[in-house]
Amino acid sequence: MRACVLSICLVLSLVISQGSNLYAQTGEPLKPFKLKTLEKEEKTLGDVLGPKGTLVVFFFPTCKYCHEALPLMQKIHDTYRERGLSTVWINALPQEEKLIPKWRSERGYTVPILVGASVRAIDKDYRVAMTPTYYLLDPVGRVVSMRAGFQPGDDKKLEDAILDLLKEK
């Protein structure tokens, strides 16, 4: 399994170093999806859009940086869901799908999680070059902001963008 993760990291590093346009541009719609919940219920992008905005986070359970970022994303979910922000996490590494229920339970995560996308589709359709990658969307699914990777303080920048989107700043 570690060899597979290392291979993916190597490929992603090569893509990043090529300098290609990796991310959807602000104002563009996020490509629609049809994925499944952990309970096998199908969900589309339209199903998860919030009345004031949506935070879509691509992750995988053994991602080191996700372990730092996702508790903060959970806090954002808890803080803003009653104010109209929807949050959904999408597993970016299908071979780790079986790890998610235990991982989620151990960490107390309550954010809805979607699975079933292939690595190829995630790379092609959402240009996820590293995890976590998050897209903040307006109520109709257009990209308001996007960030790949995680560094301390990113959650504050994201929260500022959310406040702007919710018109609460």
Protein backbone atom coordinates (compact mmCIF):
# COMPACT_ATOMS: atom_id res chain seq x y z
CA MET A 1 0.00 0.00 0.00
CA ARG A 2 2.80 2.44 0.85
CA ALA A 3 4.37 1.78 -2.54
CA CYS A 4 1.10 2.72 -4.22
CA VAL A 5 0.82 5.93 -2.20
CA LEU A 6 4.44 6.77 -3.00
CA SER A 7 3.79 6.14 -6.70
CA ILE A 8 0.82 8.48 -6.63
CA CYS A 9 2.88 11.14 -4.83
CA LEU A 10 5.63 10.80 -7.44
CA VAL A 11 3.16 11.18 -10.32
CA LEU A 12 1.55 14.16 -8.65
CA SER A 13 4.95 15.76 -8.06
CA LEU A 14 5.75 15.36 -11.75
CA VAL A 15 2.46 16.94 -12.74
CA ILE A 16 3.08 19.87 -10.40
CA SER A 17 6.63 20.36 -11.64
CA GLN A 18 5.36 20.50 -15.24
CA GLY A 19 3.64 23.77 -14.36
CA SER A 20 0.38 22.80 -16.02
CA ASN A 21 -2.91 24.53 -15.24
CA LEU A 22 -4.02 22.25 -12.42
CA TYR A 23 -7.10 23.91 -11.01
CA ALA A 24 -10.52 25.14 -12.03
CA GLN A 25 -10.54 28.89 -12.35
CA THR A 26 -12.53 31.15 -10.08
CA GLY A 27 -16.01 31.64 -11.53
CA GLU A 28 -16.02 28.34 -13.42
CA PRO A 29 -18.53 25.68 -12.40
CA LEU A 30 -17.14 22.64 -10.63
CA LYS A 31 -17.65 19.58 -12.82
CA PRO A 32 -20.79 17.73 -11.68
CA PHE A 33 -20.33 14.31 -10.08
CA LYS A 34 -22.36 11.28 -9.09
CA LEU A 35 -20.75 9.46 -6.18
CA LYS A 36 -21.90 7.31 -3.27
CA THR A 37 -22.12 7.88 0.45
CA LEU A 38 -20.57 5.31 2.78
CA GLU A 39 -24.10 3.89 3.03
CA LYS A 40 -24.13 3.41 -0.80
CA GLU A 41 -26.66 6.19 -1.50
CA GLU A 42 -25.96 8.07 -4.75
CA LYS A 43 -25.33 11.81 -4.46
CA THR A 44 -24.72 14.42 -7.14
CA LEU A 45 -23.10 17.82 -6.85
CA GLY A 46 -26.60 19.30 -6.98
CA ASP A 47 -27.61 17.18 -3.98
CA VAL A 48 -24.84 18.60 -1.80
CA LEU A 49 -24.95 22.27 -2.79
CA GLY A 50 -25.76 24.49 0.17
CA PRO A 51 -28.11 27.47 0.02
CA LYS A 52 -25.22 29.91 0.51
CA GLY A 53 -22.23 27.83 -0.58
CA THR A 54 -20.44 24.50 -0.45
CA LEU A 55 -17.01 23.37 0.69
CA VAL A 56 -15.77 20.31 -1.25
CA VAL A 57 -12.63 18.69 0.18
CA PHE A 58 -10.67 15.93 -1.59
CA PHE A 59 -8.76 13.77 0.91
CA PHE A 60 -7.71 10.22 1.74
CA PRO A 61 -7.47 8.62 5.20
CA THR A 62 -3.70 8.10 5.36
CA CYS A 63 -2.81 11.55 4.01
CA LYS A 64 -0.44 13.25 6.46
CA TYR A 65 -1.59 16.75 5.59
CA CYS A 66 -5.26 15.72 5.75
CA HIS A 67 -4.66 14.68 9.36
CA GLU A 68 -3.71 18.31 10.07
CA ALA A 69 -6.38 19.98 7.94
CA LEU A 70 -9.49 17.87 8.40
CA PRO A 71 -10.07 18.61 12.11
CA LEU A 72 -10.09 22.28 11.09
CA MET A 73 -12.45 21.53 8.17
CA GLN A 74 -14.73 19.68 10.62
CA LYS A 75 -14.75 22.78 12.83
CA ILE A 76 -15.64 24.96 9.82
CA HIS A 77 -18.45 22.52 8.98
CA ASP A 78 -19.78 22.66 12.54
CA THR A 79 -19.55 26.46 12.67
CA TYR A 80 -21.15 27.34 9.32
CA ARG A 81 -23.60 24.57 8.38
CA GLU A 82 -26.48 26.30 10.17
CA ARG A 83 -25.61 29.50 8.28
CA GLY A 84 -26.07 27.88 4.86
CA LEU A 85 -22.68 26.30 4.11
CA SER A 86 -22.73 22.68 3.02
CA THR A 87 -19.58 20.58 3.37
CA VAL A 88 -18.66 17.30 1.69
CA TRP A 89 -15.43 15.33 1.65
CA ILE A 90 -14.52 13.16 -1.33
CA ASN A 91 -12.11 10.25 -0.99
CA ALA A 92 -9.34 10.68 -3.57
CA LEU A 93 -7.75 7.24 -3.16
CA PRO A 94 -10.27 4.44 -3.86
CA GLN A 95 -8.06 1.69 -2.43
CA GLU A 96 -8.39 3.38 0.99
CA GLU A 97 -12.19 3.44 0.95
CA LYS A 98 -12.39 0.47 3.33
CA LEU A 99 -10.38 2.45 5.93
CA ILE A 100 -12.84 5.35 6.05
CA PRO A 101 -15.53 4.07 8.47
CA LYS A 102 -13.08 3.24 11.27
CA TRP A 103 -10.94 6.32 10.55
CA ARG A 104 -14.03 8.55 10.61
CA SER A 105 -15.35 7.04 13.82
CA GLU A 106 -12.00 7.25 15.66
CA ARG A 107 -11.72 10.95 14.83
CA GLY A 108 -15.36 11.88 15.44
CA TYR A 109 -15.86 13.31 11.94
CA THR A 110 -19.46 14.04 10.96
CA VAL A 111 -18.93 15.71 7.58
CA PRO A 112 -20.63 13.73 4.79
CA ILE A 113 -18.12 11.62 2.85
CA LEU A 114 -18.47 10.50 -0.75
CA VAL A 115 -16.62 7.62 -2.39
CA GLY A 116 -16.47 5.85 -5.71
CA ALA A 117 -14.40 8.12 -7.94
CA SER A 118 -11.34 6.78 -9.67
CA VAL A 119 -7.93 8.42 -9.26
CA ARG A 120 -7.97 9.11 -13.00
CA ALA A 121 -11.35 10.86 -12.87
CA ILE A 122 -10.34 12.93 -9.85
CA ASP A 123 -7.13 13.98 -11.59
CA LYS A 124 -8.81 14.70 -14.93
CA ASP A 125 -12.07 16.25 -13.74
CA TYR A 126 -10.99 18.04 -10.55
CA ARG A 127 -7.24 18.40 -11.08
CA VAL A 128 -6.43 17.21 -7.59
CA ALA A 129 -2.65 17.26 -7.55
CA MET A 130 -2.27 16.94 -3.78
CA THR A 131 -4.44 16.41 -0.76
CA PRO A 132 -6.20 17.96 0.84
CA THR A 133 -7.56 20.01 -2.04
CA TYR A 134 -10.59 22.09 -1.33
CA TYR A 135 -12.98 24.06 -3.47
CA LEU A 136 -15.31 26.68 -2.06
CA LEU A 137 -18.37 26.97 -4.29
CA ASP A 138 -21.15 29.53 -4.56
CA PRO A 139 -24.79 28.36 -4.27
CA VAL A 140 -24.92 27.31 -7.95
CA GLY A 141 -21.62 25.41 -7.89
CA ARG A 142 -19.17 27.94 -9.32
CA VAL A 143 -15.67 28.03 -7.84
CA VAL A 144 -15.19 30.94 -5.45
CA SER A 145 -11.76 29.82 -4.24
CA MET A 146 -9.53 26.80 -4.37
CA ARG A 147 -6.53 25.60 -2.41
CA ALA A 148 -4.30 22.55 -2.77
CA GLY A 149 -2.28 21.22 0.13
CA PHE A 150 -2.30 22.54 3.66
CA GLN A 151 -0.18 24.89 5.68
CA PRO A 152 -0.93 26.35 9.11
CA GLY A 153 -3.14 29.40 8.65
CA ASP A 154 -4.89 28.08 5.53
CA ASP A 155 -8.02 27.47 7.60
CA LYS A 156 -8.16 31.17 8.52
CA LYS A 157 -7.90 32.17 4.84
CA LEU A 158 -10.64 29.69 3.99
CA GLU A 159 -12.79 30.98 6.83
CA ASP A 160 -12.39 34.55 5.54
CA ALA A 161 -13.50 33.40 2.08
CA ILE A 162 -16.49 31.61 3.66
CA LEU A 163 -17.46 34.74 5.58
CA ASP A 164 -17.28 36.75 2.34
CA LEU A 165 -19.44 34.15 0.61
CA LEU A 166 -21.96 34.11 3.45
CA LYS A 167 -21.84 37.93 3.58
CA GLU A 168 -20.93 37.84 7.26
CA LYS A 169 -17.62 39.67 7.21
